[in-house]
mmCIF file of all heavy atoms, coordinates in Angstrom:
data_MODEL
# 
_entry.id   MODEL 
# 
loop_
_atom_site.group_PDB 
_atom_site.id 
_atom_site.type_symbol 
_atom_site.label_atom_id 
_atom_site.label_alt_id 
_atom_site.label_comp_id 
_atom_site.label_asym_id 
_atom_site.label_entity_id 
_atom_site.label_seq_id 
_atom_site.pdbx_PDB_ins_code 
_atom_site.Cartn_x 
_atom_site.Cartn_y 
_atom_site.Cartn_z 
_atom_site.occupancy 
_atom_site.B_iso_or_equiv 
_atom_site.pdbx_formal_charge 
_atom_site.auth_seq_id 
_atom_site.auth_comp_id 
_atom_site.auth_asym_id 
_atom_site.auth_atom_id 
_atom_site.pdbx_PDB_model_num 
ATOM 1   N N   . GLY A 1 1  ? -0.332 4.886  -18.631 1.00 0.00 ? 1  GLY A N   1 
ATOM 2   C CA  . GLY A 1 1  ? 0.444  3.940  -19.397 1.00 0.00 ? 1  GLY A CA  1 
ATOM 3   C C   . GLY A 1 1  ? 1.854  3.725  -18.877 1.00 0.00 ? 1  GLY A C   1 
ATOM 4   O O   . GLY A 1 1  ? 2.477  2.729  -19.182 1.00 0.00 ? 1  GLY A O   1 
ATOM 5   N N   . THR A 1 2  ? 2.375  4.677  -18.118 1.00 0.00 ? 2  THR A N   1 
ATOM 6   C CA  . THR A 1 2  ? 3.708  4.508  -17.552 1.00 0.00 ? 2  THR A CA  1 
ATOM 7   C C   . THR A 1 2  ? 3.676  4.369  -16.041 1.00 0.00 ? 2  THR A C   1 
ATOM 8   O O   . THR A 1 2  ? 4.594  3.809  -15.462 1.00 0.00 ? 2  THR A O   1 
ATOM 9   C CB  . THR A 1 2  ? 4.638  5.683  -17.915 1.00 0.00 ? 2  THR A CB  1 
ATOM 10  O OG1 . THR A 1 2  ? 4.025  6.900  -17.570 1.00 0.00 ? 2  THR A OG1 1 
ATOM 11  C CG2 . THR A 1 2  ? 4.991  5.674  -19.373 1.00 0.00 ? 2  THR A CG2 1 
ATOM 12  N N   . VAL A 1 3  ? 2.651  4.882  -15.410 1.00 0.00 ? 3  VAL A N   1 
ATOM 13  C CA  . VAL A 1 3  ? 2.542  4.806  -13.960 1.00 0.00 ? 3  VAL A CA  1 
ATOM 14  C C   . VAL A 1 3  ? 1.418  3.843  -13.579 1.00 0.00 ? 3  VAL A C   1 
ATOM 15  O O   . VAL A 1 3  ? 0.286  4.017  -14.005 1.00 0.00 ? 3  VAL A O   1 
ATOM 16  C CB  . VAL A 1 3  ? 2.271  6.196  -13.337 1.00 0.00 ? 3  VAL A CB  1 
ATOM 17  C CG1 . VAL A 1 3  ? 2.045  6.092  -11.848 1.00 0.00 ? 3  VAL A CG1 1 
ATOM 18  C CG2 . VAL A 1 3  ? 3.426  7.142  -13.639 1.00 0.00 ? 3  VAL A CG2 1 
ATOM 19  N N   . ASP A 1 4  ? 1.779  2.837  -12.811 1.00 0.00 ? 4  ASP A N   1 
ATOM 20  C CA  . ASP A 1 4  ? 0.795  1.901  -12.264 1.00 0.00 ? 4  ASP A CA  1 
ATOM 21  C C   . ASP A 1 4  ? 0.561  2.263  -10.804 1.00 0.00 ? 4  ASP A C   1 
ATOM 22  O O   . ASP A 1 4  ? 1.488  2.686  -10.109 1.00 0.00 ? 4  ASP A O   1 
ATOM 23  C CB  . ASP A 1 4  ? 1.290  0.461  -12.358 1.00 0.00 ? 4  ASP A CB  1 
ATOM 24  C CG  . ASP A 1 4  ? 1.411  -0.009 -13.794 1.00 0.00 ? 4  ASP A CG  1 
ATOM 25  O OD1 . ASP A 1 4  ? 0.649  0.474  -14.651 1.00 0.00 ? 4  ASP A OD1 1 
ATOM 26  O OD2 . ASP A 1 4  ? 2.272  -0.864 -14.063 1.00 0.00 ? 4  ASP A OD2 1 
ATOM 27  N N   . LEU A 1 5  ? -0.649 2.090  -10.362 1.00 0.00 ? 5  LEU A N   1 
ATOM 28  C CA  . LEU A 1 5  ? -1.010 2.406  -8.980  1.00 0.00 ? 5  LEU A CA  1 
ATOM 29  C C   . LEU A 1 5  ? -1.635 1.189  -8.330  1.00 0.00 ? 5  LEU A C   1 
ATOM 30  O O   . LEU A 1 5  ? -2.591 0.621  -8.857  1.00 0.00 ? 5  LEU A O   1 
ATOM 31  C CB  . LEU A 1 5  ? -1.996 3.581  -8.941  1.00 0.00 ? 5  LEU A CB  1 
ATOM 32  C CG  . LEU A 1 5  ? -2.583 3.944  -7.590  1.00 0.00 ? 5  LEU A CG  1 
ATOM 33  C CD1 . LEU A 1 5  ? -1.503 4.335  -6.588  1.00 0.00 ? 5  LEU A CD1 1 
ATOM 34  C CD2 . LEU A 1 5  ? -3.606 5.062  -7.746  1.00 0.00 ? 5  LEU A CD2 1 
ATOM 35  N N   . VAL A 1 6  ? -1.085 0.801  -7.194  1.00 0.00 ? 6  VAL A N   1 
ATOM 36  C CA  . VAL A 1 6  ? -1.655 -0.271 -6.381  1.00 0.00 ? 6  VAL A CA  1 
ATOM 37  C C   . VAL A 1 6  ? -2.258 0.385  -5.156  1.00 0.00 ? 6  VAL A C   1 
ATOM 38  O O   . VAL A 1 6  ? -1.549 1.069  -4.399  1.00 0.00 ? 6  VAL A O   1 
ATOM 39  C CB  . VAL A 1 6  ? -0.580 -1.295 -5.947  1.00 0.00 ? 6  VAL A CB  1 
ATOM 40  C CG1 . VAL A 1 6  ? -1.188 -2.344 -5.044  1.00 0.00 ? 6  VAL A CG1 1 
ATOM 41  C CG2 . VAL A 1 6  ? 0.062  -1.942 -7.160  1.00 0.00 ? 6  VAL A CG2 1 
ATOM 42  N N   . VAL A 1 7  ? -3.549 0.222  -4.966  1.00 0.00 ? 7  VAL A N   1 
ATOM 43  C CA  . VAL A 1 7  ? -4.233 0.767  -3.800  1.00 0.00 ? 7  VAL A CA  1 
ATOM 44  C C   . VAL A 1 7  ? -4.488 -0.394 -2.840  1.00 0.00 ? 7  VAL A C   1 
ATOM 45  O O   . VAL A 1 7  ? -5.137 -1.372 -3.202  1.00 0.00 ? 7  VAL A O   1 
ATOM 46  C CB  . VAL A 1 7  ? -5.554 1.460  -4.198  1.00 0.00 ? 7  VAL A CB  1 
ATOM 47  C CG1 . VAL A 1 7  ? -6.266 1.984  -2.964  1.00 0.00 ? 7  VAL A CG1 1 
ATOM 48  C CG2 . VAL A 1 7  ? -5.275 2.591  -5.184  1.00 0.00 ? 7  VAL A CG2 1 
ATOM 49  N N   . VAL A 1 8  ? -3.960 -0.263 -1.634  1.00 0.00 ? 8  VAL A N   1 
ATOM 50  C CA  . VAL A 1 8  ? -4.057 -1.323 -0.636  1.00 0.00 ? 8  VAL A CA  1 
ATOM 51  C C   . VAL A 1 8  ? -5.311 -1.088 0.207   1.00 0.00 ? 8  VAL A C   1 
ATOM 52  O O   . VAL A 1 8  ? -5.395 -0.089 0.929   1.00 0.00 ? 8  VAL A O   1 
ATOM 53  C CB  . VAL A 1 8  ? -2.806 -1.355 0.255   1.00 0.00 ? 8  VAL A CB  1 
ATOM 54  C CG1 . VAL A 1 8  ? -2.907 -2.457 1.289   1.00 0.00 ? 8  VAL A CG1 1 
ATOM 55  C CG2 . VAL A 1 8  ? -1.550 -1.526 -0.601  1.00 0.00 ? 8  VAL A CG2 1 
ATOM 56  N N   . PRO A 1 9  ? -6.293 -1.979 0.114   1.00 0.00 ? 9  PRO A N   1 
ATOM 57  C CA  . PRO A 1 9  ? -7.542 -1.812 0.864   1.00 0.00 ? 9  PRO A CA  1 
ATOM 58  C C   . PRO A 1 9  ? -7.298 -1.776 2.372   1.00 0.00 ? 9  PRO A C   1 
ATOM 59  O O   . PRO A 1 9  ? -6.475 -2.524 2.902   1.00 0.00 ? 9  PRO A O   1 
ATOM 60  C CB  . PRO A 1 9  ? -8.355 -3.059 0.507   1.00 0.00 ? 9  PRO A CB  1 
ATOM 61  C CG  . PRO A 1 9  ? -7.730 -3.608 -0.726  1.00 0.00 ? 9  PRO A CG  1 
ATOM 62  C CD  . PRO A 1 9  ? -6.295 -3.207 -0.683  1.00 0.00 ? 9  PRO A CD  1 
ATOM 63  N N   . GLY A 1 10 ? -7.994 -0.865 3.037   1.00 0.00 ? 10 GLY A N   1 
ATOM 64  C CA  . GLY A 1 10 ? -7.950 -0.789 4.489   1.00 0.00 ? 10 GLY A CA  1 
ATOM 65  C C   . GLY A 1 10 ? -6.687 -0.211 5.085   1.00 0.00 ? 10 GLY A C   1 
ATOM 66  O O   . GLY A 1 10 ? -6.553 -0.143 6.301   1.00 0.00 ? 10 GLY A O   1 
ATOM 67  N N   . ALA A 1 11 ? -5.742 0.219  4.257   1.00 0.00 ? 11 ALA A N   1 
ATOM 68  C CA  . ALA A 1 11 ? -4.467 0.742  4.767   1.00 0.00 ? 11 ALA A CA  1 
ATOM 69  C C   . ALA A 1 11 ? -4.437 2.257  4.685   1.00 0.00 ? 11 ALA A C   1 
ATOM 70  O O   . ALA A 1 11 ? -4.975 2.852  3.756   1.00 0.00 ? 11 ALA A O   1 
ATOM 71  C CB  . ALA A 1 11 ? -3.309 0.166  3.972   1.00 0.00 ? 11 ALA A CB  1 
ATOM 72  N N   . ASP A 1 12 ? -3.769 2.863  5.662   1.00 0.00 ? 12 ASP A N   1 
ATOM 73  C CA  . ASP A 1 12 ? -3.482 4.283  5.554   1.00 0.00 ? 12 ASP A CA  1 
ATOM 74  C C   . ASP A 1 12 ? -1.988 4.433  5.260   1.00 0.00 ? 12 ASP A C   1 
ATOM 75  O O   . ASP A 1 12 ? -1.277 3.441  5.076   1.00 0.00 ? 12 ASP A O   1 
ATOM 76  C CB  . ASP A 1 12 ? -3.918 5.061  6.797   1.00 0.00 ? 12 ASP A CB  1 
ATOM 77  C CG  . ASP A 1 12 ? -3.168 4.667  8.062   1.00 0.00 ? 12 ASP A CG  1 
ATOM 78  O OD1 . ASP A 1 12 ? -2.050 4.124  7.977   1.00 0.00 ? 12 ASP A OD1 1 
ATOM 79  O OD2 . ASP A 1 12 ? -3.710 4.910  9.154   1.00 0.00 ? 12 ASP A OD2 1 
ATOM 80  N N   . HIS A 1 13 ? -1.510 5.651  5.224   1.00 0.00 ? 13 HIS A N   1 
ATOM 81  C CA  . HIS A 1 13 ? -0.119 5.903  4.839   1.00 0.00 ? 13 HIS A CA  1 
ATOM 82  C C   . HIS A 1 13 ? 0.862  5.199  5.778   1.00 0.00 ? 13 HIS A C   1 
ATOM 83  O O   . HIS A 1 13 ? 1.794  4.535  5.326   1.00 0.00 ? 13 HIS A O   1 
ATOM 84  C CB  . HIS A 1 13 ? 0.136  7.410  4.831   1.00 0.00 ? 13 HIS A CB  1 
ATOM 85  C CG  . HIS A 1 13 ? 1.517  7.784  4.411   1.00 0.00 ? 13 HIS A CG  1 
ATOM 86  N ND1 . HIS A 1 13 ? 1.865  7.922  3.091   1.00 0.00 ? 13 HIS A ND1 1 
ATOM 87  C CD2 . HIS A 1 13 ? 2.632  8.028  5.124   1.00 0.00 ? 13 HIS A CD2 1 
ATOM 88  C CE1 . HIS A 1 13 ? 3.141  8.245  3.011   1.00 0.00 ? 13 HIS A CE1 1 
ATOM 89  N NE2 . HIS A 1 13 ? 3.629  8.317  4.232   1.00 0.00 ? 13 HIS A NE2 1 
ATOM 90  N N   . VAL A 1 14 ? 0.664  5.332  7.057   1.00 0.00 ? 14 VAL A N   1 
ATOM 91  C CA  . VAL A 1 14 ? 1.587  4.775  8.048   1.00 0.00 ? 14 VAL A CA  1 
ATOM 92  C C   . VAL A 1 14 ? 1.555  3.246  8.046   1.00 0.00 ? 14 VAL A C   1 
ATOM 93  O O   . VAL A 1 14 ? 2.582  2.602  8.266   1.00 0.00 ? 14 VAL A O   1 
ATOM 94  C CB  . VAL A 1 14 ? 1.291  5.344  9.452   1.00 0.00 ? 14 VAL A CB  1 
ATOM 95  C CG1 . VAL A 1 14 ? 2.177  4.708  10.510  1.00 0.00 ? 14 VAL A CG1 1 
ATOM 96  C CG2 . VAL A 1 14 ? 1.477  6.857  9.444   1.00 0.00 ? 14 VAL A CG2 1 
ATOM 97  N N   . ASP A 1 15 ? 0.409  2.660  7.770   1.00 0.00 ? 15 ASP A N   1 
ATOM 98  C CA  . ASP A 1 15 ? 0.314  1.195  7.728   1.00 0.00 ? 15 ASP A CA  1 
ATOM 99  C C   . ASP A 1 15 ? 1.320  0.586  6.759   1.00 0.00 ? 15 ASP A C   1 
ATOM 100 O O   . ASP A 1 15 ? 1.859  -0.492 7.002   1.00 0.00 ? 15 ASP A O   1 
ATOM 101 C CB  . ASP A 1 15 ? -1.092 0.748  7.321   1.00 0.00 ? 15 ASP A CB  1 
ATOM 102 C CG  . ASP A 1 15 ? -2.118 0.953  8.406   1.00 0.00 ? 15 ASP A CG  1 
ATOM 103 O OD1 . ASP A 1 15 ? -1.746 0.959  9.587   1.00 0.00 ? 15 ASP A OD1 1 
ATOM 104 O OD2 . ASP A 1 15 ? -3.302 1.123  8.047   1.00 0.00 ? 15 ASP A OD2 1 
ATOM 105 N N   . LEU A 1 16 ? 1.593  1.267  5.675   1.00 0.00 ? 16 LEU A N   1 
ATOM 106 C CA  . LEU A 1 16 ? 2.501  0.713  4.674   1.00 0.00 ? 16 LEU A CA  1 
ATOM 107 C C   . LEU A 1 16 ? 3.957  0.790  5.101   1.00 0.00 ? 16 LEU A C   1 
ATOM 108 O O   . LEU A 1 16 ? 4.826  0.199  4.476   1.00 0.00 ? 16 LEU A O   1 
ATOM 109 C CB  . LEU A 1 16 ? 2.275  1.392  3.325   1.00 0.00 ? 16 LEU A CB  1 
ATOM 110 C CG  . LEU A 1 16 ? 0.877  1.154  2.754   1.00 0.00 ? 16 LEU A CG  1 
ATOM 111 C CD1 . LEU A 1 16 ? 0.663  1.951  1.484   1.00 0.00 ? 16 LEU A CD1 1 
ATOM 112 C CD2 . LEU A 1 16 ? 0.633  -0.328 2.512   1.00 0.00 ? 16 LEU A CD2 1 
ATOM 113 N N   . TYR A 1 17 ? 4.237  1.486  6.185   1.00 0.00 ? 17 TYR A N   1 
ATOM 114 C CA  . TYR A 1 17 ? 5.559  1.471  6.807   1.00 0.00 ? 17 TYR A CA  1 
ATOM 115 C C   . TYR A 1 17 ? 5.621  0.439  7.928   1.00 0.00 ? 17 TYR A C   1 
ATOM 116 O O   . TYR A 1 17 ? 6.645  -0.205 8.124   1.00 0.00 ? 17 TYR A O   1 
ATOM 117 C CB  . TYR A 1 17 ? 5.910  2.842  7.399   1.00 0.00 ? 17 TYR A CB  1 
ATOM 118 C CG  . TYR A 1 17 ? 6.178  3.901  6.375   1.00 0.00 ? 17 TYR A CG  1 
ATOM 119 C CD1 . TYR A 1 17 ? 5.206  4.832  6.038   1.00 0.00 ? 17 TYR A CD1 1 
ATOM 120 C CD2 . TYR A 1 17 ? 7.410  3.979  5.738   1.00 0.00 ? 17 TYR A CD2 1 
ATOM 121 C CE1 . TYR A 1 17 ? 5.451  5.813  5.104   1.00 0.00 ? 17 TYR A CE1 1 
ATOM 122 C CE2 . TYR A 1 17 ? 7.671  4.956  4.801   1.00 0.00 ? 17 TYR A CE2 1 
ATOM 123 C CZ  . TYR A 1 17 ? 6.688  5.874  4.487   1.00 0.00 ? 17 TYR A CZ  1 
ATOM 124 O OH  . TYR A 1 17 ? 6.938  6.837  3.553   1.00 0.00 ? 17 TYR A OH  1 
ATOM 125 N N   . ASP A 1 18 ? 4.554  0.326  8.665   1.00 0.00 ? 18 ASP A N   1 
ATOM 126 C CA  . ASP A 1 18 ? 4.562  -0.458 9.897   1.00 0.00 ? 18 ASP A CA  1 
ATOM 127 C C   . ASP A 1 18 ? 3.974  -1.860 9.801   1.00 0.00 ? 18 ASP A C   1 
ATOM 128 O O   . ASP A 1 18 ? 4.223  -2.685 10.659  1.00 0.00 ? 18 ASP A O   1 
ATOM 129 C CB  . ASP A 1 18 ? 3.799  0.293  10.993  1.00 0.00 ? 18 ASP A CB  1 
ATOM 130 C CG  . ASP A 1 18 ? 4.477  1.600  11.376  1.00 0.00 ? 18 ASP A CG  1 
ATOM 131 O OD1 . ASP A 1 18 ? 5.681  1.745  11.116  1.00 0.00 ? 18 ASP A OD1 1 
ATOM 132 O OD2 . ASP A 1 18 ? 3.791  2.477  11.942  1.00 0.00 ? 18 ASP A OD2 1 
ATOM 133 N N   . ARG A 1 19 ? 3.181  -2.127 8.796   1.00 0.00 ? 19 ARG A N   1 
ATOM 134 C CA  . ARG A 1 19 ? 2.494  -3.425 8.710   1.00 0.00 ? 19 ARG A CA  1 
ATOM 135 C C   . ARG A 1 19 ? 2.908  -4.175 7.452   1.00 0.00 ? 19 ARG A C   1 
ATOM 136 O O   . ARG A 1 19 ? 2.328  -4.004 6.382   1.00 0.00 ? 19 ARG A O   1 
ATOM 137 C CB  . ARG A 1 19 ? 0.981  -3.211 8.730   1.00 0.00 ? 19 ARG A CB  1 
ATOM 138 C CG  . ARG A 1 19 ? 0.529  -2.600 10.050  1.00 0.00 ? 19 ARG A CG  1 
ATOM 139 C CD  . ARG A 1 19 ? -0.903 -2.802 10.365  1.00 0.00 ? 19 ARG A CD  1 
ATOM 140 N NE  . ARG A 1 19 ? -1.395 -4.110 10.040  1.00 0.00 ? 19 ARG A NE  1 
ATOM 141 C CZ  . ARG A 1 19 ? -2.675 -4.339 9.730   1.00 0.00 ? 19 ARG A CZ  1 
ATOM 142 N NH1 . ARG A 1 19 ? -3.538 -3.350 9.708   1.00 0.00 ? 19 ARG A NH1 1 
ATOM 143 N NH2 . ARG A 1 19 ? -3.078 -5.559 9.458   1.00 0.00 ? 19 ARG A NH2 1 
ATOM 144 N N   . LYS A 1 20 ? 3.930  -4.994 7.606   1.00 0.00 ? 20 LYS A N   1 
ATOM 145 C CA  . LYS A 1 20 ? 4.438  -5.753 6.464   1.00 0.00 ? 20 LYS A CA  1 
ATOM 146 C C   . LYS A 1 20 ? 3.373  -6.641 5.832   1.00 0.00 ? 20 LYS A C   1 
ATOM 147 O O   . LYS A 1 20 ? 3.425  -6.922 4.641   1.00 0.00 ? 20 LYS A O   1 
ATOM 148 C CB  . LYS A 1 20 ? 5.612  -6.627 6.890   1.00 0.00 ? 20 LYS A CB  1 
ATOM 149 C CG  . LYS A 1 20 ? 6.867  -5.873 7.163   1.00 0.00 ? 20 LYS A CG  1 
ATOM 150 C CD  . LYS A 1 20 ? 7.978  -6.862 7.490   1.00 0.00 ? 20 LYS A CD  1 
ATOM 151 C CE  . LYS A 1 20 ? 9.248  -6.163 7.838   1.00 0.00 ? 20 LYS A CE  1 
ATOM 152 N NZ  . LYS A 1 20 ? 10.311 -7.117 8.180   1.00 0.00 ? 20 LYS A NZ  1 
ATOM 153 N N   . ASP A 1 21 ? 2.409  -7.078 6.626   1.00 0.00 ? 21 ASP A N   1 
ATOM 154 C CA  . ASP A 1 21 ? 1.360  -7.951 6.097   1.00 0.00 ? 21 ASP A CA  1 
ATOM 155 C C   . ASP A 1 21 ? 0.478  -7.245 5.063   1.00 0.00 ? 21 ASP A C   1 
ATOM 156 O O   . ASP A 1 21 ? -0.214 -7.905 4.289   1.00 0.00 ? 21 ASP A O   1 
ATOM 157 C CB  . ASP A 1 21 ? 0.500  -8.515 7.227   1.00 0.00 ? 21 ASP A CB  1 
ATOM 158 C CG  . ASP A 1 21 ? -0.197 -7.428 8.040   1.00 0.00 ? 21 ASP A CG  1 
ATOM 159 O OD1 . ASP A 1 21 ? 0.493  -6.486 8.506   1.00 0.00 ? 21 ASP A OD1 1 
ATOM 160 O OD2 . ASP A 1 21 ? -1.417 -7.526 8.221   1.00 0.00 ? 21 ASP A OD2 1 
ATOM 161 N N   . LEU A 1 22 ? 0.510  -5.927 5.022   1.00 0.00 ? 22 LEU A N   1 
ATOM 162 C CA  . LEU A 1 22 ? -0.295 -5.176 4.060   1.00 0.00 ? 22 LEU A CA  1 
ATOM 163 C C   . LEU A 1 22 ? 0.470  -4.791 2.798   1.00 0.00 ? 22 LEU A C   1 
ATOM 164 O O   . LEU A 1 22 ? -0.139 -4.428 1.793   1.00 0.00 ? 22 LEU A O   1 
ATOM 165 C CB  . LEU A 1 22 ? -0.845 -3.909 4.710   1.00 0.00 ? 22 LEU A CB  1 
ATOM 166 C CG  . LEU A 1 22 ? -1.860 -4.103 5.832   1.00 0.00 ? 22 LEU A CG  1 
ATOM 167 C CD1 . LEU A 1 22 ? -2.263 -2.756 6.413   1.00 0.00 ? 22 LEU A CD1 1 
ATOM 168 C CD2 . LEU A 1 22 ? -3.079 -4.852 5.335   1.00 0.00 ? 22 LEU A CD2 1 
ATOM 169 N N   . VAL A 1 23 ? 1.784  -4.861 2.851   1.00 0.00 ? 23 VAL A N   1 
ATOM 170 C CA  . VAL A 1 23 ? 2.599  -4.452 1.706   1.00 0.00 ? 23 VAL A CA  1 
ATOM 171 C C   . VAL A 1 23 ? 2.457  -5.492 0.587   1.00 0.00 ? 23 VAL A C   1 
ATOM 172 O O   . VAL A 1 23 ? 2.677  -6.675 0.810   1.00 0.00 ? 23 VAL A O   1 
ATOM 173 C CB  . VAL A 1 23 ? 4.071  -4.284 2.112   1.00 0.00 ? 23 VAL A CB  1 
ATOM 174 C CG1 . VAL A 1 23 ? 4.926  -3.934 0.903   1.00 0.00 ? 23 VAL A CG1 1 
ATOM 175 C CG2 . VAL A 1 23 ? 4.211  -3.226 3.200   1.00 0.00 ? 23 VAL A CG2 1 
ATOM 176 N N   . PRO A 1 24 ? 2.109  -5.060 -0.622  1.00 0.00 ? 24 PRO A N   1 
ATOM 177 C CA  . PRO A 1 24 ? 1.906  -6.000 -1.732  1.00 0.00 ? 24 PRO A CA  1 
ATOM 178 C C   . PRO A 1 24 ? 3.240  -6.426 -2.368  1.00 0.00 ? 24 PRO A C   1 
ATOM 179 O O   . PRO A 1 24 ? 3.567  -6.057 -3.491  1.00 0.00 ? 24 PRO A O   1 
ATOM 180 C CB  . PRO A 1 24 ? 1.044  -5.198 -2.703  1.00 0.00 ? 24 PRO A CB  1 
ATOM 181 C CG  . PRO A 1 24 ? 1.469  -3.790 -2.476  1.00 0.00 ? 24 PRO A CG  1 
ATOM 182 C CD  . PRO A 1 24 ? 1.767  -3.691 -1.002  1.00 0.00 ? 24 PRO A CD  1 
# 
């Protein structure tokens, strides 16, 4: 109820630093 989680399909941890196209 207080924490929302967005799971990005096909991404690993590093992708969310390096691939702006995957960041929601």
